[in-house]
Amino acid sequence: MSTEKRFFDSNFEVFLADTQESRQINYNLRYQVYCDEMGFEDVDKFPDQMEMDEWDCNSVHILVRHKFTGHWLGGLRLVMPESPKFPFEDWSKLSNDVTQAERSCSVEVSRLCIIKEARRFTAKRFAPYGLPEQEVEEGNVRSIFNFKNQSRSLMWGLIRAAAVFCEAEGISHWYFIVAPSLAGFIRKHGFDMPQIGEPCEYRGLRIPYRLNVANILANPLWNEDYKTNFYRYSEFAEESAEKLRVYR
């Protein structure tokens, strides 16, 4: 399979943030997007530049980074079903209430974010954050920072990894409250995404949807890329520490 077809797997890797250190990486990415860039959250509430809320203690966090520089580019979280309700239930008027049976095998996907430097289309704009100004050569693999599909590729990589994690954990459905434009984009790529409630105003117009994990994993989008799924950050950290011991 060509490198071009394996764009994501050739250039990026996804991690389950299963340590405090890795969760803090995600909180900082969220701060960059939701506080600094979008202004959705008050920067004064997060002097440590870690955007957090009450749902994080009951959530699983997933990260994506560039393979060859190690720069963290985005993430999402899965709010797990142990809470008595999901965050979106506070904002949305649903067609039907979420039953306990539905809740027990579902998560809410939220805080999906890609930092603005990774969403821009030219390599030069990465330079202030230490990312390369030109393509990085690593064997026969190029880091193609100026491809216009990079942002969507990062999003698909996060979604694929989250779906793989959920399948392994017996989670069959997602709740997802997003802007109509993003919902339309996801549906355009063949994902079944039924609306389950009325549009609401929450940092712009948002609509609640429900997705089936099996349907996500059956999408042909994954046929030629996104095969690596994810790594556990704890294993990566242990491996890095071992390398340091060896090199010393």
C-alpha atoms as a PDB file:
ATOM      1  CA  MET A   1       0.000   0.000   0.000  1.00  0.00           C
ATOM      2  CA  SER A   2       1.382   3.402  -0.931  1.00  0.00           C
ATOM      3  CA  THR A   3       2.400   6.048   1.599  1.00  0.00           C
ATOM      4  CA  GLU A   4      -0.166   8.409   0.076  1.00  0.00           C
ATOM      5  CA  LYS A   5      -2.981   5.979   0.867  1.00  0.00           C
ATOM      6  CA  ARG A   6      -1.623   5.451   4.371  1.00  0.00           C
ATOM      7  CA  PHE A   7      -1.374   9.188   5.041  1.00  0.00           C
ATOM      8  CA  PHE A   8      -2.482   9.014   8.674  1.00  0.00           C
ATOM      9  CA  ASP A   9      -0.627   5.862   9.690  1.00  0.00           C
ATOM     10  CA  SER A  10       2.530   7.121   7.983  1.00  0.00           C
ATOM     11  CA  ASN A  11       2.552  10.463   9.784  1.00  0.00           C
ATOM     12  CA  PHE A  12       0.560  10.324  13.016  1.00  0.00           C
ATOM     13  CA  GLU A  13      -0.143   8.099  16.003  1.00  0.00           C
ATOM     14  CA  VAL A  14      -2.927   7.998  18.587  1.00  0.00           C
ATOM     15  CA  PHE A  15      -2.568   7.387  22.316  1.00  0.00           C
ATOM     16  CA  LEU A  16      -4.947   6.446  25.083  1.00  0.00           C
ATOM     17  CA  ALA A  17      -4.167   9.015  27.781  1.00  0.00           C
ATOM     18  CA  ASP A  18      -3.985   6.591  30.707  1.00  0.00           C
ATOM     19  CA  THR A  19      -1.615   8.573  32.946  1.00  0.00           C
ATOM     20  CA  GLN A  20      -1.878  11.910  34.711  1.00  0.00           C
ATOM     21  CA  GLU A  21       0.870  13.309  32.504  1.00  0.00           C
ATOM     22  CA  SER A  22      -0.952  12.383  29.303  1.00  0.00           C
ATOM     23  CA  ARG A  23      -4.281  13.709  30.559  1.00  0.00           C
ATOM     24  CA  GLN A  24      -2.570  17.016  31.292  1.00  0.00           C
ATOM     25  CA  ILE A  25      -1.377  17.105  27.696  1.00  0.00           C
ATOM     26  CA  ASN A  26      -4.998  16.864  26.617  1.00  0.00           C
ATOM     27  CA  TYR A  27      -6.128  19.534  29.077  1.00  0.00           C
ATOM     28  CA  ASN A  28      -3.499  21.887  27.678  1.00  0.00           C
ATOM     29  CA  LEU A  29      -4.547  21.194  24.086  1.00  0.00           C
ATOM     30  CA  ARG A  30      -8.105  21.993  25.078  1.00  0.00           C
ATOM     31  CA  TYR A  31      -6.934  25.216  26.705  1.00  0.00           C
ATOM     32  CA  GLN A  32      -5.224  26.236  23.469  1.00  0.00           C
ATOM     33  CA  VAL A  33      -8.382  25.615  21.423  1.00  0.00           C
ATOM     34  CA  TYR A  34     -11.303  26.388  23.733  1.00  0.00           C
ATOM     35  CA  CYS A  35      -9.755  29.240  25.727  1.00  0.00           C
ATOM     36  CA  ASP A  36      -7.020  30.886  23.670  1.00  0.00           C
ATOM     37  CA  GLU A  37      -8.412  30.420  20.182  1.00  0.00           C
ATOM     38  CA  MET A  38     -12.187  30.073  20.388  1.00  0.00           C
ATOM     39  CA  GLY A  39     -12.851  31.995  23.578  1.00  0.00           C
ATOM     40  CA  PHE A  40     -15.448  29.430  24.655  1.00  0.00           C
ATOM     41  CA  GLU A  41     -13.939  29.202  28.146  1.00  0.00           C
ATOM     42  CA  ASP A  42     -12.620  31.963  30.401  1.00  0.00           C
ATOM     43  CA  VAL A  43      -8.813  31.940  30.408  1.00  0.00           C
ATOM     44  CA  ASP A  44      -8.800  33.415  33.920  1.00  0.00           C
ATOM     45  CA  LYS A  45     -10.357  30.214  35.264  1.00  0.00           C
ATOM     46  CA  PHE A  46      -7.361  28.194  34.110  1.00  0.00           C
ATOM     47  CA  PRO A  47      -4.160  29.967  35.215  1.00  0.00           C
ATOM     48  CA  ASP A  48      -2.245  26.693  34.761  1.00  0.00           C
ATOM     49  CA  GLN A  49      -3.435  26.544  31.121  1.00  0.00           C
ATOM     50  CA  MET A  50      -5.237  23.259  31.748  1.00  0.00           C
ATOM     51  CA  GLU A  51      -8.873  23.419  30.627  1.00  0.00           C
ATOM     52  CA  MET A  52     -10.820  20.994  32.824  1.00  0.00           C
ATOM     53  CA  ASP A  53     -14.356  20.503  34.087  1.00  0.00           C
ATOM     54  CA  GLU A  54     -16.329  18.255  36.405  1.00  0.00           C
ATOM     55  CA  TRP A  55     -16.774  15.552  33.753  1.00  0.00           C
ATOM     56  CA  ASP A  56     -13.078  14.813  33.332  1.00  0.00           C
ATOM     57  CA  CYS A  57     -12.797  12.608  36.407  1.00  0.00           C
ATOM     58  CA  ASN A  58     -15.213  10.175  34.749  1.00  0.00           C
ATOM     59  CA  SER A  59     -13.781  10.347  31.232  1.00  0.00           C
ATOM     60  CA  VAL A  60     -11.330   8.583  28.964  1.00  0.00           C
ATOM     61  CA  HIS A  61      -9.013  10.858  26.974  1.00  0.00           C
ATOM     62  CA  ILE A  62      -7.440  10.183  23.580  1.00  0.00           C
ATOM     63  CA  LEU A  63      -4.569  12.101  21.952  1.00  0.00           C
ATOM     64  CA  VAL A  64      -2.983  12.355  18.509  1.00  0.00           C
ATOM     65  CA  ARG A  65       0.563  13.465  17.751  1.00  0.00           C
ATOM     66  CA  HIS A  66       2.951  13.784  14.843  1.00  0.00           C
ATOM     67  CA  LYS A  67       5.237  10.751  14.659  1.00  0.00           C
ATOM     68  CA  PHE A  68       8.505  12.377  13.728  1.00  0.00           C
ATOM     69  CA  THR A  69       8.466  15.536  15.843  1.00  0.00           C
ATOM     70  CA  GLY A  70       6.451  14.247  18.799  1.00  0.00           C
ATOM     71  CA  HIS A  71       4.206  17.320  18.754  1.00  0.00           C
ATOM     72  CA  TRP A  72       0.730  16.814  20.197  1.00  0.00           C
ATOM     73  CA  LEU A  73      -1.934  18.052  17.803  1.00  0.00           C
ATOM     74  CA  GLY A  74      -5.371  17.194  19.142  1.00  0.00           C
ATOM     75  CA  GLY A  75      -7.598  15.035  21.261  1.00  0.00           C
ATOM     76  CA  LEU A  76     -11.065  14.100  22.400  1.00  0.00           C
ATOM     77  CA  ARG A  77     -12.698  12.653  25.485  1.00  0.00           C
ATOM     78  CA  LEU A  78     -15.275   9.985  26.137  1.00  0.00           C
ATOM     79  CA  VAL A  79     -17.549  10.716  29.095  1.00  0.00           C
ATOM     80  CA  MET A  80     -18.216   7.289  30.535  1.00  0.00           C
ATOM     81  CA  PRO A  81     -21.642   6.007  31.626  1.00  0.00           C
ATOM     82  CA  GLU A  82     -21.019   5.875  35.382  1.00  0.00           C
ATOM     83  CA  SER A  83     -22.400   9.399  35.834  1.00  0.00           C
ATOM     84  CA  PRO A  84     -26.158   9.783  36.412  1.00  0.00           C
ATOM     85  CA  LYS A  85     -26.377  11.776  33.175  1.00  0.00           C
ATOM     86  CA  PHE A  86     -24.274  12.941  30.247  1.00  0.00           C
ATOM     87  CA  PRO A  87     -23.275  16.597  29.766  1.00  0.00           C
ATOM     88  CA  PHE A  88     -25.383  17.071  26.633  1.00  0.00           C
ATOM     89  CA  GLU A  89     -28.546  16.242  28.571  1.00  0.00           C
ATOM     90  CA  ASP A  90     -28.227  19.589  30.365  1.00  0.00           C
ATOM     91  CA  TRP A  91     -28.313  21.511  27.080  1.00  0.00           C
ATOM     92  CA  SER A  92     -30.620  19.551  24.783  1.00  0.00           C
ATOM     93  CA  LYS A  93     -34.316  18.856  24.637  1.00  0.00           C
ATOM     94  CA  LEU A  94     -34.336  15.210  23.568  1.00  0.00           C
ATOM     95  CA  SER A  95     -37.047  13.454  21.601  1.00  0.00           C
ATOM     96  CA  ASN A  96     -36.858  10.656  24.196  1.00  0.00           C
ATOM     97  CA  ASP A  97     -35.033  10.530  27.510  1.00  0.00           C
ATOM     98  CA  VAL A  98     -31.935   8.377  27.680  1.00  0.00           C
ATOM     99  CA  THR A  99     -32.901   5.150  29.441  1.00  0.00           C
ATOM    100  CA  GLN A 100     -30.668   3.502  31.999  1.00  0.00           C
ATOM    101  CA  ALA A 101     -30.157   0.558  29.665  1.00  0.00           C
ATOM    102  CA  GLU A 102     -29.033   2.911  26.878  1.00  0.00           C
ATOM    103  CA  ARG A 103     -26.816   4.879  29.234  1.00  0.00           C
ATOM    104  CA  SER A 104     -25.025   1.808  30.540  1.00  0.00           C
ATOM    105  CA  CYS A 105     -23.618   0.948  27.099  1.00  0.00           C
ATOM    106  CA  SER A 106     -22.985   4.478  25.807  1.00  0.00           C
ATOM    107  CA  VAL A 107     -20.526   7.345  26.095  1.00  0.00           C
ATOM    108  CA  GLU A 108     -20.681  10.988  25.162  1.00  0.00           C
ATOM    109  CA  VAL A 109     -17.956  12.130  22.772  1.00  0.00           C
ATOM    110  CA  SER A 110     -16.869  15.678  23.519  1.00  0.00           C
ATOM    111  CA  ARG A 111     -13.958  18.129  23.562  1.00  0.00           C
ATOM    112  CA  LEU A 112     -12.895  17.065  20.068  1.00  0.00           C
ATOM    113  CA  CYS A 113     -10.138  19.525  19.216  1.00  0.00           C
ATOM    114  CA  ILE A 114      -7.286  20.053  16.767  1.00  0.00           C
ATOM    115  CA  ILE A 115      -4.878  22.901  17.496  1.00  0.00           C
ATOM    116  CA  LYS A 116      -4.960  25.703  14.950  1.00  0.00           C
ATOM    117  CA  GLU A 117      -1.367  25.135  13.837  1.00  0.00           C
ATOM    118  CA  ALA A 118      -2.333  21.639  12.691  1.00  0.00           C
ATOM    119  CA  ARG A 119      -5.445  22.919  10.903  1.00  0.00           C
ATOM    120  CA  ARG A 120      -3.546  25.371   8.732  1.00  0.00           C
ATOM    121  CA  PHE A 121      -2.588  24.234   5.293  1.00  0.00           C
ATOM    122  CA  THR A 122       0.969  25.507   4.862  1.00  0.00           C
ATOM    123  CA  ALA A 123       4.012  24.030   6.521  1.00  0.00           C
ATOM    124  CA  LYS A 124       5.525  27.448   7.252  1.00  0.00           C
ATOM    125  CA  ARG A 125       2.860  28.239   9.829  1.00  0.00           C
ATOM    126  CA  PHE A 126       4.009  25.357  12.001  1.00  0.00           C
ATOM    127  CA  ALA A 127       7.403  26.951  12.578  1.00  0.00           C
ATOM    128  CA  PRO A 128       6.596  29.026  15.728  1.00  0.00           C
ATOM    129  CA  TYR A 129       5.600  25.809  17.526  1.00  0.00           C
ATOM    130  CA  GLY A 130       8.734  23.947  16.519  1.00  0.00           C
ATOM    131  CA  LEU A 131       7.197  21.918  13.742  1.00  0.00           C
ATOM    132  CA  PRO A 132       9.220  21.665  10.555  1.00  0.00           C
ATOM    133  CA  GLU A 133       9.075  24.372   7.906  1.00  0.00           C
ATOM    134  CA  GLN A 134       9.608  21.755   5.210  1.00  0.00           C
ATOM    135  CA  GLU A 135       8.615  18.153   4.704  1.00  0.00           C
ATOM    136  CA  VAL A 136      10.362  15.752   7.064  1.00  0.00           C
ATOM    137  CA  GLU A 137      12.022  12.764   5.467  1.00  0.00           C
ATOM    138  CA  GLU A 138      11.944   9.560   7.525  1.00  0.00           C
ATOM    139  CA  GLY A 139      13.037   6.698   5.345  1.00  0.00           C
ATOM    140  CA  ASN A 140      10.500   6.570   2.546  1.00  0.00           C
ATOM    141  CA  VAL A 141       7.843   8.409   4.562  1.00  0.00           C
ATOM    142  CA  ARG A 142       7.152  12.105   4.163  1.00  0.00           C
ATOM    143  CA  SER A 143       5.499  14.327   6.744  1.00  0.00           C
ATOM    144  CA  ILE A 144       3.071  16.133   4.453  1.00  0.00           C
ATOM    145  CA  PHE A 145       2.126  19.160   6.521  1.00  0.00           C
ATOM    146  CA  ASN A 146       0.745  21.154   3.630  1.00  0.00           C
ATOM    147  CA  PHE A 147      -1.883  18.634   2.506  1.00  0.00           C
ATOM    148  CA  LYS A 148      -5.350  20.088   2.888  1.00  0.00           C
ATOM    149  CA  ASN A 149      -6.734  16.838   4.296  1.00  0.00           C
ATOM    150  CA  GLN A 150      -4.558  16.943   7.412  1.00  0.00           C
ATOM    151  CA  SER A 151      -7.163  18.331   9.830  1.00  0.00           C
ATOM    152  CA  ARG A 152      -9.854  15.879   8.781  1.00  0.00           C
ATOM    153  CA  SER A 153      -7.323  13.046   8.844  1.00  0.00           C
ATOM    154  CA  LEU A 154      -6.482  13.850  12.478  1.00  0.00           C
ATOM    155  CA  MET A 155     -10.181  13.872  13.338  1.00  0.00           C
ATOM    156  CA  TRP A 156     -10.767  10.516  11.637  1.00  0.00           C
ATOM    157  CA  GLY A 157      -7.781   9.029  13.445  1.00  0.00           C
ATOM    158  CA  LEU A 158      -9.188  10.105  16.799  1.00  0.00           C
ATOM    159  CA  ILE A 159     -12.670   8.833  15.942  1.00  0.00           C
ATOM    160  CA  ARG A 160     -11.367   5.471  14.750  1.00  0.00           C
ATOM    161  CA  ALA A 161      -9.268   4.981  17.893  1.00  0.00           C
ATOM    162  CA  ALA A 162     -12.189   5.962  20.131  1.00  0.00           C
ATOM    163  CA  ALA A 163     -14.466   3.474  18.373  1.00  0.00           C
ATOM    164  CA  VAL A 164     -11.911   0.673  18.728  1.00  0.00           C
ATOM    165  CA  PHE A 165     -11.566   1.456  22.439  1.00  0.00           C
ATOM    166  CA  CYS A 166     -15.339   1.485  22.921  1.00  0.00           C
ATOM    167  CA  GLU A 167     -15.836  -1.830  21.146  1.00  0.00           C
ATOM    168  CA  ALA A 168     -13.254  -3.422  23.430  1.00  0.00           C
ATOM    169  CA  GLU A 169     -15.014  -1.985  26.492  1.00  0.00           C
ATOM    170  CA  GLY A 170     -18.491  -3.144  25.468  1.00  0.00           C
ATOM    171  CA  ILE A 171     -19.678   0.362  24.588  1.00  0.00           C
ATOM    172  CA  SER A 172     -22.133   0.179  21.672  1.00  0.00           C
ATOM    173  CA  HIS A 173     -23.270   3.782  21.170  1.00  0.00           C
ATOM    174  CA  TRP A 174     -22.050   7.370  21.228  1.00  0.00           C
ATOM    175  CA  TYR A 175     -23.857  10.583  21.981  1.00  0.00           C
ATOM    176  CA  PHE A 176     -22.414  13.556  20.150  1.00  0.00           C
ATOM    177  CA  ILE A 177     -23.647  17.171  20.228  1.00  0.00           C
ATOM    178  CA  VAL A 178     -22.093  19.162  17.390  1.00  0.00           C
ATOM    179  CA  ALA A 179     -22.624  21.983  14.919  1.00  0.00           C
ATOM    180  CA  PRO A 180     -24.754  21.110  11.873  1.00  0.00           C
ATOM    181  CA  SER A 181     -21.785  21.673   9.545  1.00  0.00           C
ATOM    182  CA  LEU A 182     -19.658  19.050  11.299  1.00  0.00           C
ATOM    183  CA  ALA A 183     -22.585  16.631  11.431  1.00  0.00           C
ATOM    184  CA  GLY A 184     -23.106  17.096   7.706  1.00  0.00           C
ATOM    185  CA  PHE A 185     -19.441  16.459   7.010  1.00  0.00           C
ATOM    186  CA  ILE A 186     -19.445  13.231   9.064  1.00  0.00           C
ATOM    187  CA  ARG A 187     -22.637  12.011   7.412  1.00  0.00           C
ATOM    188  CA  LYS A 188     -21.195  12.778   3.978  1.00  0.00           C
ATOM    189  CA  HIS A 189     -18.548  10.156   4.676  1.00  0.00           C
ATOM    190  CA  GLY A 190     -21.091   7.410   5.214  1.00  0.00           C
ATOM    191  CA  PHE A 191     -21.656   7.479   8.983  1.00  0.00           C
ATOM    192  CA  ASP A 192     -25.207   6.889  10.221  1.00  0.00           C
ATOM    193  CA  MET A 193     -25.898   9.783  12.571  1.00  0.00           C
ATOM    194  CA  PRO A 194     -29.578  10.124  13.549  1.00  0.00           C
ATOM    195  CA  GLN A 195     -30.658  13.317  15.285  1.00  0.00           C
ATOM    196  CA  ILE A 196     -32.172  12.620  18.712  1.00  0.00           C
ATOM    197  CA  GLY A 197     -33.340  16.040  19.857  1.00  0.00           C
ATOM    198  CA  GLU A 198     -33.967  19.659  19.042  1.00  0.00           C
ATOM    199  CA  PRO A 199     -31.219  22.101  18.075  1.00  0.00           C
ATOM    200  CA  CYS A 200     -29.962  24.155  21.004  1.00  0.00           C
ATOM    201  CA  GLU A 201     -27.762  27.175  21.542  1.00  0.00           C
ATOM    202  CA  TYR A 202     -24.514  26.182  23.217  1.00  0.00           C
ATOM    203  CA  ARG A 203     -21.532  28.184  21.966  1.00  0.00           C
ATOM    204  CA  GLY A 204     -23.340  28.336  18.669  1.00  0.00           C
ATOM    205  CA  LEU A 205     -26.049  26.130  17.241  1.00  0.00           C
ATOM    206  CA  ARG A 206     -25.625  22.500  18.320  1.00  0.00           C
ATOM    207  CA  ILE A 207     -27.644  19.359  17.568  1.00  0.00           C
ATOM    208  CA  PRO A 208     -27.583  16.066  19.506  1.00  0.00           C
ATOM    209  CA  TYR A 209     -26.926  12.829  17.636  1.00  0.00           C
ATOM    210  CA  ARG A 210     -26.520   9.149  18.444  1.00  0.00           C
ATOM    211  CA  LEU A 211     -24.039   6.908  16.646  1.00  0.00           C
ATOM    212  CA  ASN A 212     -23.602   3.152  16.613  1.00  0.00           C
ATOM    213  CA  VAL A 213     -20.034   1.990  17.271  1.00  0.00           C
ATOM    214  CA  ALA A 214     -20.402  -1.045  14.995  1.00  0.00           C
ATOM    215  CA  ASN A 215     -21.550   1.253  12.185  1.00  0.00           C
ATOM    216  CA  ILE A 216     -18.539   3.500  12.748  1.00  0.00           C
ATOM    217  CA  LEU A 217     -16.105   0.585  12.554  1.00  0.00           C
ATOM    218  CA  ALA A 218     -17.765  -0.813   9.425  1.00  0.00           C
ATOM    219  CA  ASN A 219     -17.146   2.386   7.452  1.00  0.00           C
ATOM    220  CA  PRO A 220     -14.986   1.845   4.332  1.00  0.00           C
ATOM    221  CA  LEU A 221     -12.972   4.926   5.293  1.00  0.00           C
ATOM    222  CA  TRP A 222     -10.800   2.572   7.371  1.00  0.00           C
ATOM    223  CA  ASN A 223     -10.078   0.128   4.556  1.00  0.00           C
ATOM    224  CA  GLU A 224      -6.755   1.651   3.517  1.00  0.00           C
ATOM    225  CA  ASP A 225      -5.625   3.721   6.498  1.00  0.00           C
ATOM    226  CA  TYR A 226      -6.027   4.179  10.260  1.00  0.00           C
ATOM    227  CA  LYS A 227      -4.949   0.577  10.903  1.00  0.00           C
ATOM    228  CA  THR A 228      -2.743   1.209  13.922  1.00  0.00           C
ATOM    229  CA  ASN A 229      -5.668   2.033  16.252  1.00  0.00           C
ATOM    230  CA  PHE A 230      -3.914   3.415  19.358  1.00  0.00           C
ATOM    231  CA  TYR A 231      -1.116   2.976  21.869  1.00  0.00           C
ATOM    232  CA  ARG A 232      -1.316   3.337  25.638  1.00  0.00           C
ATOM    233  CA  TYR A 233       0.636   6.348  26.832  1.00  0.00           C
ATOM    234  CA  SER A 234       1.783   4.465  29.935  1.00  0.00           C
ATOM    235  CA  GLU A 235       3.523   1.878  27.759  1.00  0.00           C
ATOM    236  CA  PHE A 236       5.065   4.619  25.637  1.00  0.00           C
ATOM    237  CA  ALA A 237       6.342   6.378  28.769  1.00  0.00           C
ATOM    238  CA  GLU A 238       7.835   3.145  30.130  1.00  0.00           C
ATOM    239  CA  GLU A 239       9.528   2.437  26.792  1.00  0.00           C
ATOM    240  CA  SER A 240      10.953   5.974  26.662  1.00  0.00           C
ATOM    241  CA  ALA A 241      12.282   5.666  30.209  1.00  0.00           C
ATOM    242  CA  GLU A 242      13.913   2.349  29.360  1.00  0.00           C
ATOM    243  CA  LYS A 243      15.589   3.902  26.316  1.00  0.00           C
ATOM    244  CA  LEU A 244      16.926   6.690  28.504  1.00  0.00           C
ATOM    245  CA  ARG A 245      18.395   4.134  30.905  1.00  0.00           C
ATOM    246  CA  VAL A 246      20.033   2.273  28.031  1.00  0.00           C
ATOM    247  CA  TYR A 247      21.454   5.405  26.422  1.00  0.00           C
ATOM    248  CA  ARG A 248      22.926   6.587  29.684  1.00  0.00           C
END
